[in-house]
PDB file of N, CA and C in Angstrom:
ATOM      1  N   MET A   1       0.449  56.793  39.176  1.00  0.00           N
ATOM      2  CA  MET A   1       1.206  55.567  39.184  1.00  0.00           C
ATOM      3  C   MET A   1       0.355  54.398  38.690  1.00  0.00           C
ATOM      4  N   ALA A   2      -0.934  54.370  39.101  1.00  0.00           N
ATOM      5  CA  ALA A   2      -1.820  53.287  38.689  1.00  0.00           C
ATOM      6  C   ALA A   2      -2.021  53.304  37.173  1.00  0.00           C
ATOM      7  N   THR A   3      -2.091  54.488  36.575  1.00  0.00           N
ATOM      8  CA  THR A   3      -2.277  54.592  35.135  1.00  0.00           C
ATOM      9  C   THR A   3      -1.065  54.039  34.393  1.00  0.00           C
ATOM     10  N   LEU A   4       0.132  54.347  34.864  1.00  0.00           N
ATOM     11  CA  LEU A   4       1.351  53.846  34.246  1.00  0.00           C
ATOM     12  C   LEU A   4       1.409  52.327  34.355  1.00  0.00           C
ATOM     13  N   THR A   5       1.041  51.778  35.494  1.00  0.00           N
ATOM     14  CA  THR A   5       1.039  50.332  35.692  1.00  0.00           C
ATOM     15  C   THR A   5       0.034  49.663  34.755  1.00  0.00           C
ATOM     16  N   ASN A   6      -1.145  50.252  34.603  1.00  0.00           N
ATOM     17  CA  ASN A   6      -2.148  49.697  33.691  1.00  0.00           C
ATOM     18  C   ASN A   6      -1.664  49.737  32.244  1.00  0.00           C
ATOM     19  N   LYS A   7      -0.983  50.804  31.864  1.00  0.00           N
ATOM     20  CA  LYS A   7      -0.455  50.917  30.507  1.00  0.00           C
ATOM     21  C   LYS A   7       0.628  49.868  30.271  1.00  0.00           C
ATOM     22  N   LEU A   8       1.474  49.657  31.265  1.00  0.00           N
ATOM     23  CA  LEU A   8       2.514  48.636  31.144  1.00  0.00           C
ATOM     24  C   LEU A   8       1.897  47.250  31.015  1.00  0.00           C
ATOM     25  N   LYS A   9       0.870  46.965  31.809  1.00  0.00           N
ATOM     26  CA  LYS A   9       0.191  45.670  31.736  1.00  0.00           C
ATOM     27  C   LYS A   9      -0.468  45.489  30.370  1.00  0.00           C
ATOM     28  N   ALA A  10      -1.119  46.529  29.889  1.00  0.00           N
ATOM     29  CA  ALA A  10      -1.780  46.454  28.583  1.00  0.00           C
ATOM     30  C   ALA A  10      -0.741  46.244  27.482  1.00  0.00           C
ATOM     31  N   GLY A  11       0.377  46.952  27.577  1.00  0.00           N
ATOM     32  CA  GLY A  11       1.445  46.801  26.586  1.00  0.00           C
ATOM     33  C   GLY A  11       2.042  45.406  26.612  1.00  0.00           C
ATOM     34  N   LEU A  12       2.247  44.855  27.798  1.00  0.00           N
ATOM     35  CA  LEU A  12       2.785  43.512  27.945  1.00  0.00           C
ATOM     36  C   LEU A  12       1.795  42.487  27.379  1.00  0.00           C
ATOM     37  N   ALA A  13       0.519  42.654  27.666  1.00  0.00           N
ATOM     38  CA  ALA A  13      -0.502  41.741  27.153  1.00  0.00           C
ATOM     39  C   ALA A  13      -0.523  41.775  25.622  1.00  0.00           C
ATOM     40  N   LEU A  14      -0.406  42.962  25.043  1.00  0.00           N
ATOM     41  CA  LEU A  14      -0.382  43.092  23.591  1.00  0.00           C
ATOM     42  C   LEU A  14       0.850  42.409  23.017  1.00  0.00           C
ATOM     43  N   ALA A  15       1.997  42.596  23.647  1.00  0.00           N
ATOM     44  CA  ALA A  15       3.236  41.966  23.170  1.00  0.00           C
ATOM     45  C   ALA A  15       3.130  40.447  23.212  1.00  0.00           C
ATOM     46  N   VAL A  16       2.537  39.908  24.279  1.00  0.00           N
ATOM     47  CA  VAL A  16       2.356  38.464  24.389  1.00  0.00           C
ATOM     48  C   VAL A  16       1.404  37.969  23.300  1.00  0.00           C
ATOM     49  N   LEU A  17       0.334  38.695  23.059  1.00  0.00           N
ATOM     50  CA  LEU A  17      -0.621  38.314  22.026  1.00  0.00           C
ATOM     51  C   LEU A  17       0.036  38.297  20.647  1.00  0.00           C
ATOM     52  N   VAL A  18       0.812  39.310  20.345  1.00  0.00           N
ATOM     53  CA  VAL A  18       1.496  39.389  19.049  1.00  0.00           C
ATOM     54  C   VAL A  18       2.490  38.242  18.918  1.00  0.00           C
ATOM     55  N   ALA A  19       3.278  37.988  19.959  1.00  0.00           N
ATOM     56  CA  ALA A  19       4.265  36.909  19.907  1.00  0.00           C
ATOM     57  C   ALA A  19       3.581  35.552  19.757  1.00  0.00           C
ATOM     58  N   THR A  20       2.505  35.326  20.463  1.00  0.00           N
ATOM     59  CA  THR A  20       1.780  34.062  20.383  1.00  0.00           C
ATOM     60  C   THR A  20       1.197  33.864  18.997  1.00  0.00           C
ATOM     61  N   THR A  21       0.614  34.899  18.437  1.00  0.00           N
ATOM     62  CA  THR A  21       0.037  34.811  17.099  1.00  0.00           C
ATOM     63  C   THR A  21       1.110  34.524  16.058  1.00  0.00           C
ATOM     64  N   ALA A  22       2.254  35.154  16.181  1.00  0.00           N
ATOM     65  CA  ALA A  22       3.333  34.952  15.216  1.00  0.00           C
ATOM     66  C   ALA A  22       3.882  33.542  15.281  1.00  0.00           C
ATOM     67  N   LEU A  23       3.804  32.904  16.435  1.00  0.00           N
ATOM     68  CA  LEU A  23       4.362  31.569  16.587  1.00  0.00           C
ATOM     69  C   LEU A  23       3.353  30.456  16.340  1.00  0.00           C
ATOM     70  N   THR A  24       2.108  30.799  16.135  1.00  0.00           N
ATOM     71  CA  THR A  24       1.087  29.791  15.891  1.00  0.00           C
ATOM     72  C   THR A  24       1.274  29.209  14.504  1.00  0.00           C
ATOM     73  N   PRO A  25       1.451  27.862  14.373  1.00  0.00           N
ATOM     74  CA  PRO A  25       1.727  27.260  13.068  1.00  0.00           C
ATOM     75  C   PRO A  25       0.676  27.561  12.014  1.00  0.00           C
ATOM     76  N   GLY A  26      -0.603  27.534  12.347  1.00  0.00           N
ATOM     77  CA  GLY A  26      -1.645  27.805  11.359  1.00  0.00           C
ATOM     78  C   GLY A  26      -1.550  29.203  10.805  1.00  0.00           C
ATOM     79  N   MET A  27      -1.236  30.145  11.645  1.00  0.00           N
ATOM     80  CA  MET A  27      -1.129  31.526  11.201  1.00  0.00           C
ATOM     81  C   MET A  27       0.110  31.719  10.322  1.00  0.00           C
ATOM     82  N   ALA A  28       1.206  31.096  10.683  1.00  0.00           N
ATOM     83  CA  ALA A  28       2.435  31.271   9.914  1.00  0.00           C
ATOM     84  C   ALA A  28       2.262  30.734   8.503  1.00  0.00           C
ATOM     85  N   SER A  29       1.603  29.579   8.354  1.00  0.00           N
ATOM     86  CA  SER A  29       1.459  28.996   7.031  1.00  0.00           C
ATOM     87  C   SER A  29       0.422  29.736   6.188  1.00  0.00           C
ATOM     88  N   ALA A  30      -0.427  30.523   6.812  1.00  0.00           N
ATOM     89  CA  ALA A  30      -1.465  31.233   6.076  1.00  0.00           C
ATOM     90  C   ALA A  30      -1.016  32.607   5.605  1.00  0.00           C
ATOM     91  N   GLU A  31       0.208  32.981   5.928  1.00  0.00           N
ATOM     92  CA  GLU A  31       0.665  34.336   5.629  1.00  0.00           C
ATOM     93  C   GLU A  31       0.728  34.655   4.142  1.00  0.00           C
ATOM     94  N   ASP A  32       1.450  33.841   3.372  1.00  0.00           N
ATOM     95  CA  ASP A  32       1.709  34.249   2.003  1.00  0.00           C
ATOM     96  C   ASP A  32       1.855  33.038   1.091  1.00  0.00           C
ATOM     97  N   ARG A  33       0.961  32.931   0.156  1.00  0.00           N
ATOM     98  CA  ARG A  33       1.055  31.876  -0.853  1.00  0.00           C
ATOM     99  C   ARG A  33       1.105  32.499  -2.254  1.00  0.00           C
ATOM    100  N   ARG A  34       1.631  33.706  -2.309  1.00  0.00           N
ATOM    101  CA  ARG A  34       1.800  34.358  -3.614  1.00  0.00           C
ATOM    102  C   ARG A  34       3.091  33.853  -4.250  1.00  0.00           C
ATOM    103  N   VAL A  35       2.982  33.493  -5.521  1.00  0.00           N
ATOM    104  CA  VAL A  35       4.122  32.955  -6.253  1.00  0.00           C
ATOM    105  C   VAL A  35       4.225  33.686  -7.589  1.00  0.00           C
ATOM    106  N   LYS A  36       5.422  34.125  -7.908  1.00  0.00           N
ATOM    107  CA  LYS A  36       5.675  34.751  -9.205  1.00  0.00           C
ATOM    108  C   LYS A  36       5.950  33.637 -10.210  1.00  0.00           C
ATOM    109  N   ILE A  37       5.104  33.518 -11.222  1.00  0.00           N
ATOM    110  CA  ILE A  37       5.271  32.534 -12.284  1.00  0.00           C
ATOM    111  C   ILE A  37       6.029  33.216 -13.412  1.00  0.00           C
ATOM    112  N   ILE A  38       7.164  32.638 -13.783  1.00  0.00           N
ATOM    113  CA  ILE A  38       8.053  33.245 -14.775  1.00  0.00           C
ATOM    114  C   ILE A  38       8.123  32.334 -15.997  1.00  0.00           C
ATOM    115  N   ASN A  39       7.824  32.898 -17.152  1.00  0.00           N
ATOM    116  CA  ASN A  39       7.879  32.136 -18.401  1.00  0.00           C
ATOM    117  C   ASN A  39       9.206  32.407 -19.102  1.00  0.00           C
ATOM    118  N   GLU A  40      10.120  31.442 -19.002  1.00  0.00           N
ATOM    119  CA  GLU A  40      11.415  31.553 -19.681  1.00  0.00           C
ATOM    120  C   GLU A  40      11.502  30.582 -20.852  1.00  0.00           C
ATOM    121  N   THR A  41      10.343  30.250 -21.418  1.00  0.00           N
ATOM    122  CA  THR A  41      10.311  29.377 -22.588  1.00  0.00           C
ATOM    123  C   THR A  41      10.161  30.232 -23.840  1.00  0.00           C
ATOM    124  N   ARG A  42      10.094  29.560 -24.990  1.00  0.00           N
ATOM    125  CA  ARG A  42       9.858  30.269 -26.251  1.00  0.00           C
ATOM    126  C   ARG A  42       8.385  30.272 -26.627  1.00  0.00           C
ATOM    127  N   HIS A  43       7.547  29.728 -25.744  1.00  0.00           N
ATOM    128  CA  HIS A  43       6.119  29.614 -26.036  1.00  0.00           C
ATOM    129  C   HIS A  43       5.285  30.399 -25.039  1.00  0.00           C
ATOM    130  N   VAL A  44       4.128  30.827 -25.497  1.00  0.00           N
ATOM    131  CA  VAL A  44       3.176  31.548 -24.660  1.00  0.00           C
ATOM    132  C   VAL A  44       2.472  30.539 -23.745  1.00  0.00           C
ATOM    133  N   ILE A  45       2.377  30.857 -22.454  1.00  0.00           N
ATOM    134  CA  ILE A  45       1.551  30.055 -21.551  1.00  0.00           C
ATOM    135  C   ILE A  45       0.130  30.607 -21.680  1.00  0.00           C
ATOM    136  N   VAL A  46      -0.774  29.765 -22.174  1.00  0.00           N
ATOM    137  CA  VAL A  46      -2.139  30.218 -22.419  1.00  0.00           C
ATOM    138  C   VAL A  46      -3.088  29.881 -21.270  1.00  0.00           C
ATOM    139  N   ARG A  47      -2.733  28.873 -20.480  1.00  0.00           N
ATOM    140  CA  ARG A  47      -3.512  28.533 -19.289  1.00  0.00           C
ATOM    141  C   ARG A  47      -2.561  28.094 -18.187  1.00  0.00           C
ATOM    142  N   PHE A  48      -2.919  28.415 -16.951  1.00  0.00           N
ATOM    143  CA  PHE A  48      -2.113  27.997 -15.803  1.00  0.00           C
ATOM    144  C   PHE A  48      -3.045  27.576 -14.675  1.00  0.00           C
ATOM    145  N   TYR A  49      -2.782  26.413 -14.130  1.00  0.00           N
ATOM    146  CA  TYR A  49      -3.603  25.852 -13.057  1.00  0.00           C
ATOM    147  C   TYR A  49      -2.723  25.543 -11.846  1.00  0.00           C
ATOM    148  N   ALA A  50      -3.275  25.695 -10.670  1.00  0.00           N
ATOM    149  CA  ALA A  50      -2.628  25.287  -9.427  1.00  0.00           C
ATOM    150  C   ALA A  50      -3.705  24.689  -8.532  1.00  0.00           C
ATOM    151  N   SER A  51      -3.566  23.408  -8.229  1.00  0.00           N
ATOM    152  CA  SER A  51      -4.546  22.721  -7.391  1.00  0.00           C
ATOM    153  C   SER A  51      -3.819  22.056  -6.232  1.00  0.00           C
ATOM    154  N   ASN A  52      -4.388  22.154  -5.036  1.00  0.00           N
ATOM    155  CA  ASN A  52      -3.727  21.508  -3.907  1.00  0.00           C
ATOM    156  C   ASN A  52      -3.651  20.005  -4.156  1.00  0.00           C
ATOM    157  N   VAL A  53      -2.681  19.350  -3.540  1.00  0.00           N
ATOM    158  CA  VAL A  53      -2.386  17.952  -3.856  1.00  0.00           C
ATOM    159  C   VAL A  53      -3.543  17.004  -3.577  1.00  0.00           C
ATOM    160  N   ASN A  54      -4.495  17.399  -2.772  1.00  0.00           N
ATOM    161  CA  ASN A  54      -5.641  16.534  -2.484  1.00  0.00           C
ATOM    162  C   ASN A  54      -6.852  16.823  -3.363  1.00  0.00           C
ATOM    163  N   ALA A  55      -6.744  17.774  -4.269  1.00  0.00           N
ATOM    164  CA  ALA A  55      -7.856  18.083  -5.177  1.00  0.00           C
ATOM    165  C   ALA A  55      -7.985  16.964  -6.202  1.00  0.00           C
ATOM    166  N   SER A  56      -9.200  16.655  -6.571  1.00  0.00           N
ATOM    167  CA  SER A  56      -9.435  15.563  -7.526  1.00  0.00           C
ATOM    168  C   SER A  56      -9.353  16.033  -8.980  1.00  0.00           C
ATOM    169  N   ASP A  57      -9.376  17.352  -9.204  1.00  0.00           N
ATOM    170  CA  ASP A  57      -9.252  17.872 -10.563  1.00  0.00           C
ATOM    171  C   ASP A  57      -8.587  19.247 -10.511  1.00  0.00           C
ATOM    172  N   TRP A  58      -8.280  19.789 -11.673  1.00  0.00           N
ATOM    173  CA  TRP A  58      -7.646  21.100 -11.743  1.00  0.00           C
ATOM    174  C   TRP A  58      -8.659  22.183 -11.390  1.00  0.00           C
ATOM    175  N   GLU A  59      -8.202  23.166 -10.645  1.00  0.00           N
ATOM    176  CA  GLU A  59      -9.042  24.323 -10.328  1.00  0.00           C
ATOM    177  C   GLU A  59      -9.170  25.173 -11.590  1.00  0.00           C
ATOM    178  N   GLU A  60      -9.777  26.361 -11.469  1.00  0.00           N
ATOM    179  CA  GLU A  60      -9.959  27.222 -12.639  1.00  0.00           C
ATOM    180  C   GLU A  60      -8.607  27.744 -13.153  1.00  0.00           C
ATOM    181  N   ASP A  61      -8.615  28.117 -14.434  1.00  0.00           N
ATOM    182  CA  ASP A  61      -7.437  28.700 -15.075  1.00  0.00           C
ATOM    183  C   ASP A  61      -7.136  30.036 -14.405  1.00  0.00           C
ATOM    184  N   ILE A  62      -5.992  30.123 -13.762  1.00  0.00           N
ATOM    185  CA  ILE A  62      -5.623  31.326 -13.016  1.00  0.00           C
ATOM    186  C   ILE A  62      -5.427  32.523 -13.943  1.00  0.00           C
ATOM    187  N   LEU A  63      -4.963  32.281 -15.148  1.00  0.00           N
ATOM    188  CA  LEU A  63      -4.715  33.386 -16.078  1.00  0.00           C
ATOM    189  C   LEU A  63      -6.008  33.961 -16.649  1.00  0.00           C
ATOM    190  N   GLY A  64      -7.064  33.168 -16.659  1.00  0.00           N
ATOM    191  CA  GLY A  64      -8.324  33.648 -17.230  1.00  0.00           C
ATOM    192  C   GLY A  64      -8.160  33.975 -18.701  1.00  0.00           C
ATOM    193  N   ARG A  65      -8.478  35.210 -19.074  1.00  0.00           N
ATOM    194  CA  ARG A  65      -8.345  35.636 -20.474  1.00  0.00           C
ATOM    195  C   ARG A  65      -6.936  36.089 -20.823  1.00  0.00           C
ATOM    196  N   ASP A  66      -6.087  36.233 -19.815  1.00  0.00           N
ATOM    197  CA  ASP A  66      -4.711  36.675 -20.044  1.00  0.00           C
ATOM    198  C   ASP A  66      -3.832  35.505 -20.468  1.00  0.00           C
ATOM    199  N   VAL A  67      -2.672  35.828 -20.989  1.00  0.00           N
ATOM    200  CA  VAL A  67      -1.649  34.844 -21.322  1.00  0.00           C
ATOM    201  C   VAL A  67      -0.328  35.339 -20.754  1.00  0.00           C
ATOM    202  N   LEU A  68       0.640  34.441 -20.702  1.00  0.00           N
ATOM    203  CA  LEU A  68       1.965  34.810 -20.195  1.00  0.00           C
ATOM    204  C   LEU A  68       2.980  34.619 -21.318  1.00  0.00           C
ATOM    205  N   GLN A  69       3.373  35.738 -21.917  1.00  0.00           N
ATOM    206  CA  GLN A  69       4.305  35.730 -23.041  1.00  0.00           C
ATOM    207  C   GLN A  69       5.700  35.279 -22.577  1.00  0.00           C
ATOM    208  N   PRO A  70       6.528  34.776 -23.507  1.00  0.00           N
ATOM    209  CA  PRO A  70       7.911  34.465 -23.164  1.00  0.00           C
ATOM    210  C   PRO A  70       8.598  35.701 -22.580  1.00  0.00           C
ATOM    211  N   GLY A  71       9.324  35.495 -21.481  1.00  0.00           N
ATOM    212  CA  GLY A  71      10.019  36.599 -20.827  1.00  0.00           C
ATOM    213  C   GLY A  71       9.177  37.365 -19.827  1.00  0.00           C
ATOM    214  N   GLN A  72       7.896  37.081 -19.764  1.00  0.00           N
ATOM    215  CA  GLN A  72       7.017  37.772 -18.826  1.00  0.00           C
ATOM    216  C   GLN A  72       6.840  36.959 -17.549  1.00  0.00           C
ATOM    217  N   SER A  73       6.347  37.650 -16.525  1.00  0.00           N
ATOM    218  CA  SER A  73       6.014  36.976 -15.268  1.00  0.00           C
ATOM    219  C   SER A  73       4.728  37.572 -14.722  1.00  0.00           C
ATOM    220  N   VAL A  74       4.117  36.821 -13.826  1.00  0.00           N
ATOM    221  CA  VAL A  74       2.911  37.280 -13.157  1.00  0.00           C
ATOM    222  C   VAL A  74       2.943  36.713 -11.738  1.00  0.00           C
ATOM    223  N   THR A  75       2.521  37.517 -10.777  1.00  0.00           N
ATOM    224  CA  THR A  75       2.433  37.036  -9.409  1.00  0.00           C
ATOM    225  C   THR A  75       0.986  36.652  -9.137  1.00  0.00           C
ATOM    226  N   VAL A  76       0.794  35.418  -8.697  1.00  0.00           N
ATOM    227  CA  VAL A  76      -0.546  34.911  -8.430  1.00  0.00           C
ATOM    228  C   VAL A  76      -0.656  34.454  -6.985  1.00  0.00           C
ATOM    229  N   ASN A  77      -1.842  34.568  -6.434  1.00  0.00           N
ATOM    230  CA  ASN A  77      -2.108  34.084  -5.094  1.00  0.00           C
ATOM    231  C   ASN A  77      -2.628  32.659  -5.223  1.00  0.00           C
ATOM    232  N   ILE A  78      -1.837  31.709  -4.766  1.00  0.00           N
ATOM    233  CA  ILE A  78      -2.170  30.299  -4.919  1.00  0.00           C
ATOM    234  C   ILE A  78      -3.144  29.833  -3.834  1.00  0.00           C
ATOM    235  N   ASP A  79      -3.348  30.620  -2.800  1.00  0.00           N
ATOM    236  CA  ASP A  79      -4.171  30.218  -1.658  1.00  0.00           C
ATOM    237  C   ASP A  79      -5.609  29.942  -2.082  1.00  0.00           C
ATOM    238  N   ASP A  80      -6.066  28.717  -1.866  1.00  0.00           N
ATOM    239  CA  ASP A  80      -7.451  28.360  -2.187  1.00  0.00           C
ATOM    240  C   ASP A  80      -8.314  28.226  -0.937  1.00  0.00           C
ATOM    241  N   GLY A  81      -7.766  28.633   0.209  1.00  0.00           N
ATOM    242  CA  GLY A  81      -8.516  28.573   1.460  1.00  0.00           C
ATOM    243  C   GLY A  81      -8.432  27.233   2.160  1.00  0.00           C
ATOM    244  N   SER A  82      -7.719  26.270   1.577  1.00  0.00           N
ATOM    245  CA  SER A  82      -7.644  24.929   2.152  1.00  0.00           C
ATOM    246  C   SER A  82      -6.590  24.816   3.253  1.00  0.00           C
ATOM    247  N   GLY A  83      -5.635  25.756   3.288  1.00  0.00           N
ATOM    248  CA  GLY A  83      -4.544  25.678   4.251  1.00  0.00           C
ATOM    249  C   GLY A  83      -3.371  24.855   3.758  1.00  0.00           C
ATOM    250  N   TYR A  84      -3.488  24.277   2.568  1.00  0.00           N
ATOM    251  CA  TYR A  84      -2.406  23.458   2.021  1.00  0.00           C
ATOM    252  C   TYR A  84      -1.229  24.310   1.563  1.00  0.00           C
ATOM    253  N   CYS A  85      -0.047  23.721   1.633  1.00  0.00           N
ATOM    254  CA  CYS A  85       1.158  24.344   1.077  1.00  0.00           C
ATOM    255  C   CYS A  85       1.592  23.640  -0.210  1.00  0.00           C
ATOM    256  N   LEU A  86       1.257  22.368  -0.361  1.00  0.00           N
ATOM    257  CA  LEU A  86       1.690  21.606  -1.530  1.00  0.00           C
ATOM    258  C   LEU A  86       0.624  21.659  -2.626  1.00  0.00           C
ATOM    259  N   TYR A  87       1.057  22.101  -3.802  1.00  0.00           N
ATOM    260  CA  TYR A  87       0.173  22.256  -4.956  1.00  0.00           C
ATOM    261  C   TYR A  87       0.802  21.620  -6.181  1.00  0.00           C
ATOM    262  N   ASP A  88      -0.044  21.160  -7.080  1.00  0.00           N
ATOM    263  CA  ASP A  88       0.380  20.712  -8.402  1.00  0.00           C
ATOM    264  C   ASP A  88       0.146  21.872  -9.359  1.00  0.00           C
ATOM    265  N   PHE A  89       1.123  22.145 -10.213  1.00  0.00           N
ATOM    266  CA  PHE A  89       1.029  23.209 -11.206  1.00  0.00           C
ATOM    267  C   PHE A  89       0.872  22.581 -12.590  1.00  0.00           C
ATOM    268  N   LYS A  90       0.086  23.219 -13.426  1.00  0.00           N
ATOM    269  CA  LYS A  90      -0.037  22.802 -14.820  1.00  0.00           C
ATOM    270  C   LYS A  90      -0.026  24.039 -15.699  1.00  0.00           C
ATOM    271  N   ALA A  91       0.947  24.092 -16.613  1.00  0.00           N
ATOM    272  CA  ALA A  91       1.023  25.162 -17.602  1.00  0.00           C
ATOM    273  C   ALA A  91       0.670  24.567 -18.962  1.00  0.00           C
ATOM    274  N   VAL A  92      -0.207  25.246 -19.701  1.00  0.00           N
ATOM    275  CA  VAL A  92      -0.572  24.830 -21.053  1.00  0.00           C
ATOM    276  C   VAL A  92      -0.034  25.888 -22.000  1.00  0.00           C
ATOM    277  N   PHE A  93       0.702  25.435 -23.014  1.00  0.00           N
ATOM    278  CA  PHE A  93       1.382  26.348 -23.927  1.00  0.00           C
ATOM    279  C   PHE A  93       0.616  26.489 -25.245  1.00  0.00           C
ATOM    280  N   ASP A  94       0.970  27.529 -25.995  1.00  0.00           N
ATOM    281  CA  ASP A  94       0.266  27.833 -27.241  1.00  0.00           C
ATOM    282  C   ASP A  94       0.427  26.768 -28.309  1.00  0.00           C
ATOM    283  N   ASP A  95       1.404  25.882 -28.173  1.00  0.00           N
ATOM    284  CA  ASP A  95       1.578  24.804 -29.154  1.00  0.00           C
ATOM    285  C   ASP A  95       0.825  23.537 -28.749  1.00  0.00           C
ATOM    286  N   GLY A  96       0.052  23.617 -27.654  1.00  0.00           N
ATOM    287  CA  GLY A  96      -0.740  22.483 -27.205  1.00  0.00           C
ATOM    288  C   GLY A  96      -0.060  21.621 -26.149  1.00  0.00           C
ATOM    289  N   ASP A  97       1.237  21.782 -25.984  1.00  0.00           N
ATOM    290  CA  ASP A  97       1.942  21.022 -24.948  1.00  0.00           C
ATOM    291  C   ASP A  97       1.547  21.536 -23.572  1.00  0.00           C
ATOM    292  N   SER A  98       1.664  20.656 -22.590  1.00  0.00           N
ATOM    293  CA  SER A  98       1.435  21.074 -21.212  1.00  0.00           C
ATOM    294  C   SER A  98       2.537  20.488 -20.343  1.00  0.00           C
ATOM    295  N   LEU A  99       2.770  21.147 -19.239  1.00  0.00           N
ATOM    296  CA  LEU A  99       3.813  20.726 -18.315  1.00  0.00           C
ATOM    297  C   LEU A  99       3.226  20.725 -16.914  1.00  0.00           C
ATOM    298  N   VAL A 100       3.286  19.568 -16.262  1.00  0.00           N
ATOM    299  CA  VAL A 100       2.763  19.424 -14.908  1.00  0.00           C
ATOM    300  C   VAL A 100       3.936  19.253 -13.952  1.00  0.00           C
ATOM    301  N   ARG A 101       3.914  20.007 -12.881  1.00  0.00           N
ATOM    302  CA  ARG A 101       4.890  19.871 -11.793  1.00  0.00           C
ATOM    303  C   ARG A 101       4.105  19.552 -10.537  1.00  0.00           C
ATOM    304  N   GLU A 102       4.471  18.474  -9.870  1.00  0.00           N
ATOM    305  CA  GLU A 102       3.728  18.024  -8.704  1.00  0.00           C
ATOM    306  C   GLU A 102       4.411  18.434  -7.405  1.00  0.00           C
ATOM    307  N   ARG A 103       3.589  18.666  -6.384  1.00  0.00           N
ATOM    308  CA  ARG A 103       4.031  18.892  -5.013  1.00  0.00           C
ATOM    309  C   ARG A 103       4.966  20.104  -4.874  1.00  0.00           C
ATOM    310  N   VAL A 104       4.565  21.202  -5.465  1.00  0.00           N
ATOM    311  CA  VAL A 104       5.309  22.455  -5.326  1.00  0.00           C
ATOM    312  C   VAL A 104       4.890  23.091  -3.993  1.00  0.00           C
ATOM    313  N   ASP A 105       5.854  23.390  -3.138  1.00  0.00           N
ATOM    314  CA  ASP A 105       5.557  23.948  -1.816  1.00  0.00           C
ATOM    315  C   ASP A 105       5.481  25.472  -1.912  1.00  0.00           C
ATOM    316  N   VAL A 106       4.250  25.984  -2.031  1.00  0.00           N
ATOM    317  CA  VAL A 106       4.050  27.416  -2.218  1.00  0.00           C
ATOM    318  C   VAL A 106       4.268  28.219  -0.938  1.00  0.00           C
ATOM    319  N   CYS A 107       4.429  27.539   0.186  1.00  0.00           N
ATOM    320  CA  CYS A 107       4.744  28.230   1.447  1.00  0.00           C
ATOM    321  C   CYS A 107       6.236  28.489   1.572  1.00  0.00           C
ATOM    322  N   LYS A 108       7.038  27.814   0.741  1.00  0.00           N
ATOM    323  CA  LYS A 108       8.489  27.944   0.832  1.00  0.00           C
ATOM    324  C   LYS A 108       9.115  28.677  -0.348  1.00  0.00           C
ATOM    325  N   ILE A 109       8.363  28.849  -1.430  1.00  0.00           N
ATOM    326  CA  ILE A 109       8.941  29.513  -2.605  1.00  0.00           C
ATOM    327  C   ILE A 109       8.233  30.839  -2.852  1.00  0.00           C
ATOM    328  N   SER A 110       8.914  31.729  -3.540  1.00  0.00           N
ATOM    329  CA  SER A 110       8.286  32.993  -3.915  1.00  0.00           C
ATOM    330  C   SER A 110       8.210  33.140  -5.432  1.00  0.00           C
ATOM    331  N   SER A 111       8.904  32.247  -6.153  1.00  0.00           N
ATOM    332  CA  SER A 111       8.834  32.278  -7.618  1.00  0.00           C
ATOM    333  C   SER A 111       8.998  30.867  -8.165  1.00  0.00           C
ATOM    334  N   TYR A 112       8.473  30.683  -9.381  1.00  0.00           N
ATOM    335  CA  TYR A 112       8.577  29.400 -10.063  1.00  0.00           C
ATOM    336  C   TYR A 112       8.833  29.692 -11.536  1.00  0.00           C
ATOM    337  N   ARG A 113       9.883  29.085 -12.085  1.00  0.00           N
ATOM    338  CA  ARG A 113      10.300  29.345 -13.458  1.00  0.00           C
ATOM    339  C   ARG A 113       9.958  28.189 -14.383  1.00  0.00           C
ATOM    340  N   TYR A 114       9.351  28.517 -15.512  1.00  0.00           N
ATOM    341  CA  TYR A 114       9.194  27.552 -16.584  1.00  0.00           C
ATOM    342  C   TYR A 114      10.304  27.842 -17.589  1.00  0.00           C
ATOM    343  N   THR A 115      11.152  26.852 -17.830  1.00  0.00           N
ATOM    344  CA  THR A 115      12.296  27.029 -18.722  1.00  0.00           C
ATOM    345  C   THR A 115      12.278  25.958 -19.803  1.00  0.00           C
ATOM    346  N   GLU A 116      13.058  26.185 -20.838  1.00  0.00           N
ATOM    347  CA  GLU A 116      13.221  25.179 -21.879  1.00  0.00           C
ATOM    348  C   GLU A 116      14.065  24.056 -21.304  1.00  0.00           C
ATOM    349  N   ASP A 117      13.670  22.816 -21.590  1.00  0.00           N
ATOM    350  CA  ASP A 117      14.441  21.663 -21.105  1.00  0.00           C
ATOM    351  C   ASP A 117      15.660  21.404 -21.931  1.00  0.00           C
TER     352      ASP A 117
END
């Protein structure tokens, strides 16, 4: 009987720990900052940047040596370890144009589309 009681107590303690962790705001916001970037333009995206709203400059080019052709998409992890949800996005296209979108909430979206205006 004592063993069953100890198992029940251990199970209850684990359930409380899991529930508490799931409800902790810091943990919830740190879960997923992956965003699918979709290129629905007629131009190749040659560079893509995402910097949290408090950054003083653009972070490194997320695409690196890769490019994002028209009709293609890529899923990127926007998390820079800062805990921020709001990021500024910058796409640079093969024709030299760039498009900046400010205050994109990467904690609330799972995809972001670049389209022709």
